[in-house]
Protein backbone atom coordinates (compact mmCIF):
# COMPACT_ATOMS: atom_id res chain seq x y z
CA MET A 1 30.22 90.36 90.33
CA ASN A 2 33.83 91.48 90.54
CA ILE A 3 37.07 90.19 92.03
CA ALA A 4 36.37 91.74 95.43
CA GLU A 5 32.97 90.03 95.68
CA ILE A 6 34.44 86.69 94.57
CA ALA A 7 37.15 87.05 97.24
CA LYS A 8 34.60 87.87 99.95
CA ARG A 9 32.42 84.86 99.11
CA ALA A 10 35.42 82.52 98.96
CA GLY A 11 36.99 83.90 102.15
CA VAL A 12 40.28 84.73 100.43
CA SER A 13 42.17 87.89 99.44
CA ASN A 14 41.62 89.86 96.26
CA ALA A 15 45.20 88.99 95.30
CA ALA A 16 44.45 85.27 95.54
CA VAL A 17 41.51 85.65 93.16
CA SER A 18 43.65 87.65 90.74
CA ARG A 19 46.35 84.95 90.79
CA TYR A 20 43.66 82.30 90.22
CA PHE A 21 42.47 83.95 87.00
CA ASN A 22 46.03 84.67 85.80
CA ASN A 23 47.34 81.15 86.45
CA GLY A 24 49.53 82.34 89.32
CA TYR A 25 50.46 80.26 92.36
CA ILE A 26 47.89 79.78 95.13
CA SER A 27 47.31 76.86 97.49
CA GLU A 28 45.02 74.06 96.40
CA GLU A 29 42.66 74.89 99.28
CA LYS A 30 42.20 78.50 98.13
CA ARG A 31 41.99 77.42 94.48
CA GLU A 32 39.14 75.03 95.30
CA LYS A 33 37.24 77.69 97.29
CA ILE A 34 37.50 80.17 94.42
CA ARG A 35 36.56 77.55 91.84
CA LYS A 36 33.35 76.70 93.71
CA VAL A 37 32.31 80.36 93.91
CA VAL A 38 33.06 80.87 90.22
CA GLU A 39 30.94 77.83 89.31
CA GLU A 40 28.07 78.93 91.57
CA THR A 41 28.00 82.49 90.24
CA GLY A 42 28.95 81.84 86.62
CA TYR A 43 31.50 84.64 86.88
CA ARG A 44 33.77 85.26 83.91
CA PRO A 45 36.58 87.84 84.04
CA SER A 46 36.52 90.64 81.48
CA VAL A 47 39.07 89.90 78.78
CA GLN A 48 39.22 93.56 77.83
CA ALA A 49 39.89 94.62 81.42
CA GLN A 50 42.63 92.03 81.79
CA THR A 51 44.26 93.19 78.57
CA LEU A 52 44.25 96.83 79.68
CA ARG A 53 45.67 95.94 83.09
CA THR A 54 48.35 93.42 82.10
CA LYS A 55 49.04 94.57 78.52
CA LYS A 56 48.57 90.89 77.57
CA THR A 57 45.80 89.51 75.37
CA LYS A 58 46.20 85.83 76.46
CA MET A 59 45.77 85.09 72.76
CA ILE A 60 48.27 83.26 70.53
CA GLY A 61 48.11 83.59 66.74
CA MET A 62 48.76 80.44 64.70
CA ILE A 63 49.31 80.59 60.94
CA VAL A 64 48.89 77.39 58.91
CA PRO A 65 48.91 76.78 55.14
CA LYS A 66 45.66 74.74 55.11
CA VAL A 67 43.20 72.91 57.35
CA ALA A 68 42.51 69.81 55.21
CA SER A 69 45.70 68.10 56.36
CA ALA A 70 46.12 65.31 58.90
CA SER A 71 49.67 66.36 59.76
CA LEU A 72 48.72 70.02 60.31
CA GLY A 73 45.74 68.91 62.38
CA ARG A 74 48.14 67.07 64.68
CA VAL A 75 50.38 70.13 64.98
CA VAL A 76 47.38 72.29 65.93
CA GLU A 77 46.22 69.73 68.52
CA GLY A 78 49.68 69.74 70.06
CA VAL A 79 49.70 73.54 70.31
CA LEU A 80 46.19 73.67 71.77
CA SER A 81 47.02 71.15 74.50
CA ILE A 82 49.70 73.48 75.89
CA LEU A 83 47.75 76.72 75.36
CA ASN A 84 44.77 75.29 77.23
CA GLU A 85 46.99 74.28 80.14
CA ASN A 86 48.26 77.85 80.39
CA GLY A 87 44.96 79.69 79.97
CA TYR A 88 45.62 80.97 76.46
CA ARG A 89 43.30 81.00 73.45
CA MET A 90 44.20 80.50 69.80
CA LEU A 91 43.52 82.75 66.83
CA LEU A 92 43.90 80.49 63.77
CA ALA A 93 44.80 81.97 60.37
CA VAL A 94 44.71 79.81 57.23
CA THR A 95 46.69 80.94 54.18
CA GLN A 96 45.51 78.35 51.60
CA ASN A 97 49.15 77.77 50.62
CA ASP A 98 49.54 81.40 49.56
CA PRO A 99 52.88 82.90 50.71
CA GLU A 100 51.46 86.40 50.27
CA LYS A 101 48.72 85.56 52.78
CA GLU A 102 51.40 84.48 55.26
CA LEU A 103 52.94 87.92 54.97
CA GLU A 104 49.55 89.60 55.44
CA TYR A 105 48.83 87.62 58.60
CA LEU A 106 52.32 88.22 60.01
CA ASP A 107 51.72 91.93 59.52
CA ALA A 108 48.20 91.79 61.00
CA LEU A 109 49.11 89.87 64.16
CA ASP A 110 50.66 92.69 66.16
CA ASP A 111 51.05 93.06 69.92
CA LYS A 112 47.55 94.52 70.30
CA GLN A 113 45.96 91.29 69.09
CA VAL A 114 48.21 88.46 70.23
CA ASP A 115 51.02 87.85 72.70
CA GLY A 116 52.91 85.55 70.34
CA VAL A 117 52.74 83.73 67.00
CA ILE A 118 53.31 80.13 65.92
CA LEU A 119 53.98 79.91 62.18
CA VAL A 120 53.73 76.60 60.34
CA ALA A 121 56.00 77.74 57.56
CA THR A 122 56.18 76.66 53.92
CA VAL A 123 58.60 79.00 52.12
CA PHE A 124 60.93 81.79 53.19
CA THR A 125 61.22 84.63 50.73
CA ALA A 126 63.23 87.77 51.44
CA GLU A 127 59.93 89.40 52.46
CA HIS A 128 59.21 86.58 54.91
CA LYS A 129 62.62 86.93 56.54
CA ARG A 130 62.18 90.68 56.82
CA ALA A 131 58.69 90.30 58.32
CA LEU A 132 59.88 87.73 60.87
CA LYS A 133 62.81 89.91 61.88
CA ASN A 134 60.44 92.85 62.51
CA MET A 135 57.73 90.90 64.38
CA PRO A 136 56.64 92.86 67.48
CA VAL A 137 55.81 89.64 69.37
CA PRO A 138 57.74 86.37 69.90
CA THR A 139 57.36 84.00 66.93
CA ILE A 140 58.07 80.26 66.79
CA ILE A 141 58.49 78.52 63.42
CA VAL A 142 57.24 74.93 63.03
CA GLY A 143 58.18 72.52 60.25
CA GLN A 144 61.09 74.50 58.78
CA GLN A 145 64.56 75.50 59.93
CA LEU A 146 65.50 79.16 59.70
CA ALA A 147 68.80 80.33 61.20
CA GLY A 148 68.48 83.05 63.81
CA HIS A 149 64.89 82.16 64.75
CA CYS A 150 63.30 79.80 67.25
CA CYS A 151 62.08 76.77 65.32
CA ILE A 152 60.94 73.16 65.65
CA TYR A 153 61.54 71.03 62.57
CA HIS A 154 61.91 67.41 61.43
CA ASP A 155 64.79 65.35 60.06
CA ASP A 156 63.26 65.25 56.58
CA TYR A 157 66.55 64.55 54.82
CA HIS A 158 67.53 61.39 56.72
CA ALA A 159 63.96 60.09 56.73
CA SER A 160 63.78 60.22 52.92
CA TYR A 161 67.34 58.88 52.63
CA GLU A 162 66.61 55.88 54.87
CA LEU A 163 63.30 55.18 53.12
CA THR A 164 65.10 55.10 49.76
CA LYS A 165 67.77 52.73 51.08
CA LEU A 166 64.97 50.41 52.26
CA PHE A 167 63.74 50.14 48.66
CA PHE A 168 67.18 48.93 47.55
CA ASP A 169 67.28 46.50 50.50
CA ARG A 170 64.03 45.02 49.16
CA GLY A 171 65.51 44.47 45.73
CA ARG A 172 64.06 47.51 43.95
CA GLU A 173 66.56 48.97 41.52
CA LYS A 174 64.76 51.49 39.31
CA LEU A 175 63.19 54.15 41.48
CA GLY A 176 61.26 57.35 40.80
CA TYR A 177 60.24 60.17 43.10
CA ILE A 178 57.16 62.40 43.34
CA GLY A 179 58.01 65.51 45.35
CA ALA A 180 56.83 68.97 46.36
CA ILE A 181 57.97 72.40 45.21
CA LEU A 182 61.64 73.02 45.99
CA GLN A 183 60.85 76.39 47.61
CA ASP A 184 59.41 74.31 50.47
CA LYS A 185 62.78 73.49 52.03
CA ALA A 186 61.60 70.68 54.32
CA VAL A 187 59.03 68.69 52.31
CA GLY A 188 60.26 69.79 48.90
CA SER A 189 64.02 70.26 48.94
CA GLU A 190 65.25 68.14 51.89
CA ARG A 191 63.16 65.06 51.13
CA LEU A 192 64.22 65.13 47.47
CA ARG A 193 67.85 65.58 48.50
CA GLY A 194 67.60 62.51 50.75
CA PHE A 195 66.30 60.45 47.81
CA GLN A 196 68.97 61.72 45.43
CA ASP A 197 71.88 61.17 47.82
CA ALA A 198 70.70 57.63 48.56
CA VAL A 199 70.47 56.58 44.90
CA ARG A 200 73.86 58.13 44.16
CA GLU A 201 75.41 56.29 47.09
CA MET A 202 74.02 53.06 45.62
CA GLY A 203 75.78 53.80 42.33
CA ARG A 204 72.59 54.78 40.49
CA GLU A 205 73.36 58.39 39.59
CA GLU A 206 70.85 58.39 36.71
CA LEU A 207 67.94 57.90 39.15
CA ALA A 208 68.60 61.31 40.75
CA ALA A 209 66.85 62.89 37.73
CA TYR A 210 63.84 60.56 37.96
CA TYR A 211 61.49 62.93 39.76
CA VAL A 212 58.45 65.12 39.16
CA THR A 213 56.81 67.81 41.28
CA ALA A 214 53.24 67.49 42.56
CA ALA A 215 50.75 69.45 44.63
CA PHE A 216 49.64 68.16 48.04
CA THR A 217 46.57 66.31 46.74
CA ILE A 218 45.51 62.81 45.72
CA GLY A 219 44.56 64.12 42.28
CA SER A 220 48.01 65.55 41.73
CA GLY A 221 49.65 62.32 42.92
CA PHE A 222 47.48 60.44 40.41
CA GLU A 223 48.42 62.77 37.55
CA LYS A 224 52.13 62.93 38.39
CA ALA A 225 52.47 59.15 38.69
CA GLY A 226 51.51 58.94 35.01
CA GLU A 227 53.94 61.74 34.16
CA LEU A 228 56.73 60.00 36.08
CA LEU A 229 56.26 56.69 34.24
CA GLU A 230 56.11 58.48 30.90
CA LYS A 231 59.34 60.31 31.74
CA CYS A 232 61.29 57.40 33.22
CA GLY A 233 59.87 54.27 31.62
CA ASP A 234 59.41 51.11 33.66
CA LEU A 235 59.96 51.58 37.40
CA ASP A 236 59.83 49.08 40.24
CA GLY A 237 59.54 51.66 43.04
CA ILE A 238 57.98 55.10 43.56
CA LEU A 239 58.69 57.23 46.63
CA CYS A 240 56.49 60.23 47.39
CA ALA A 241 57.00 63.32 49.55
CA THR A 242 53.61 62.78 51.27
CA ASP A 243 51.10 60.01 51.90
CA THR A 244 48.47 61.94 49.95
CA MET A 245 50.62 61.94 46.82
CA ALA A 246 51.35 58.24 47.38
CA ALA A 247 47.66 57.39 47.63
CA GLY A 248 47.09 59.14 44.29
CA ALA A 249 49.99 57.25 42.74
CA VAL A 250 48.60 53.89 43.94
CA LYS A 251 45.22 54.78 42.47
CA TYR A 252 46.81 55.56 39.10
CA LEU A 253 48.93 52.40 39.01
CA ARG A 254 46.01 50.13 39.80
CA GLN A 255 43.87 51.86 37.20
CA GLN A 256 46.61 50.98 34.69
CA GLY A 257 46.57 47.34 35.79
CA ILE A 258 49.96 47.61 37.50
CA GLU A 259 50.28 45.43 40.59
CA VAL A 260 51.20 47.23 43.82
CA PRO A 261 53.54 46.31 45.45
CA GLY A 262 54.36 43.35 43.21
CA GLN A 263 55.43 45.33 40.16
CA ILE A 264 55.91 48.74 41.77
CA LEU A 265 56.49 49.33 45.48
CA VAL A 266 55.06 52.68 46.67
CA ALA A 267 55.88 54.72 49.77
CA GLY A 268 54.67 58.02 51.21
CA GLN A 269 55.72 60.14 54.17
CA GLY A 270 53.72 61.34 57.16
CA ASP A 271 52.20 58.15 58.63
CA SER A 272 48.73 59.61 58.10
CA ASP A 273 45.40 57.79 58.13
CA MET A 274 45.61 58.02 54.34
CA ALA A 275 48.51 55.55 54.41
CA LYS A 276 46.40 53.09 56.39
CA VAL A 277 43.14 53.16 54.42
CA VAL A 278 44.39 52.35 50.93
CA GLU A 279 43.79 48.71 50.00
CA LEU A 280 47.36 47.81 50.91
CA PRO A 281 48.89 49.90 53.72
CA LEU A 282 51.76 52.01 52.40
CA LEU A 283 55.32 52.22 53.55
CA SER A 284 55.60 55.60 55.23
CA VAL A 285 57.57 57.76 57.66
CA HIS A 286 56.26 58.78 61.06
CA TYR A 287 57.07 62.37 62.00
CA SER A 288 56.22 63.70 65.48
CA TYR A 289 53.78 66.37 64.32
CA GLU A 290 51.77 66.64 67.54
CA LYS A 291 54.97 66.77 69.58
CA SER A 292 56.27 69.57 67.37
CA GLY A 293 53.17 71.61 68.18
CA GLU A 294 53.54 70.93 71.90
CA MET A 295 57.21 71.91 71.87
CA ALA A 296 56.54 75.10 69.91
CA ALA A 297 53.84 76.17 72.37
CA ARG A 298 56.04 75.34 75.36
CA MET A 299 58.90 77.33 73.86
CA LEU A 300 56.57 80.30 73.39
CA MET A 301 55.34 80.00 76.99
CA GLU A 302 58.97 80.06 78.19
CA ILE A 303 59.53 83.30 76.31
CA LEU A 304 56.33 84.91 77.60
CA HIS A 305 56.54 83.74 81.22
CA GLN A 306 60.26 83.41 81.87
CA GLY A 307 61.70 85.97 79.49
CA MET A 308 63.76 83.42 77.57
CA THR A 309 65.80 85.22 74.92
CA ASP A 310 68.05 82.47 73.53
CA VAL A 311 67.35 81.33 69.97
CA LYS A 312 66.49 77.63 70.06
CA GLU A 313 66.47 75.24 67.11
CA MET A 314 65.10 71.76 67.80
CA LYS A 315 65.20 68.90 65.26
CA LEU A 316 62.84 65.97 65.86
CA GLY A 317 63.44 62.39 64.76
CA TYR A 318 61.33 59.93 62.77
CA TYR A 319 60.81 56.23 62.15
CA LEU A 320 59.75 54.17 59.17
CA VAL A 321 56.41 52.36 59.35
CA GLU A 322 54.66 49.63 57.40
CA ASP A 323 51.13 48.46 58.08
CA GLY A 324 51.14 50.72 61.14
CA ARG A 325 54.24 49.09 62.67
CA PRO A 326 57.63 50.76 63.18
CA LEU A 327 60.48 49.40 61.06
CA SER A 328 63.38 51.44 62.41
CA ASN A 329 64.17 54.30 64.76
CA ARG A 330 66.35 57.36 64.77
CA PRO A 331 66.55 59.59 67.89
């Protein structure tokens, strides 16, 4: 089978069949005729032939730091929903939180393999910025802001700031913070900055130093909760950069016979299933992870199909949640 034979069986032109397989415009009547013939014959177009003819692979590369993450899973689902609509496939690269691997994949994903790249970024070294500047295909950054590049990111600072103020509103006065590495601008630096600015605004400057740095695991949250209490003494509230860290902190506190939330109120960020399955649902922050993936993929489609050249930066909002229910909103 080839395009000419498909066209003859469907009673349409060769051009109509070509537009059908390349997601071009054809009438619904012709589309239905072609679809029936394709189903009857089991015809599949040659990807290699399409690539040679159009110089397009119809493949998008996506680079993520890990796969065992609810938030990243939602980002990937969002991207896939748009790629599937547009007839693209995904090539997924996992770096295992290794910045050097990010650089390797950015170098490997050239214009012979993919038409574009979506990077769920963690850190931006000088090498990262140089690699992004020299990318031969359009690249969209998700989860971090980087001037001069198309990116979709979250309002991490205000989310952490508002969450901290909520602790004071609930009568908690001695707070500690479990955060991520500061090289991670969004989850590490911006969320910590939100906590620190909030405690300073409340006249509790000393609390700005009450923080420790953890890895993105329950085990690290468990370990760092003990380190935080040893460093800061008695606390009545612990805020964490992620729900996973918070779940580890809750586990540690209960193992020590500390009542949660009676003695120490705990909060995470991410509104993940993890926040809902601990014995007492955590305070958390809902970020629009799936929407960020959708928007990144749509932005990439605009570049590929419409030739968009403007650099776009889009910041998404958040809302606080408790027991699965929203507490406040910010656009």
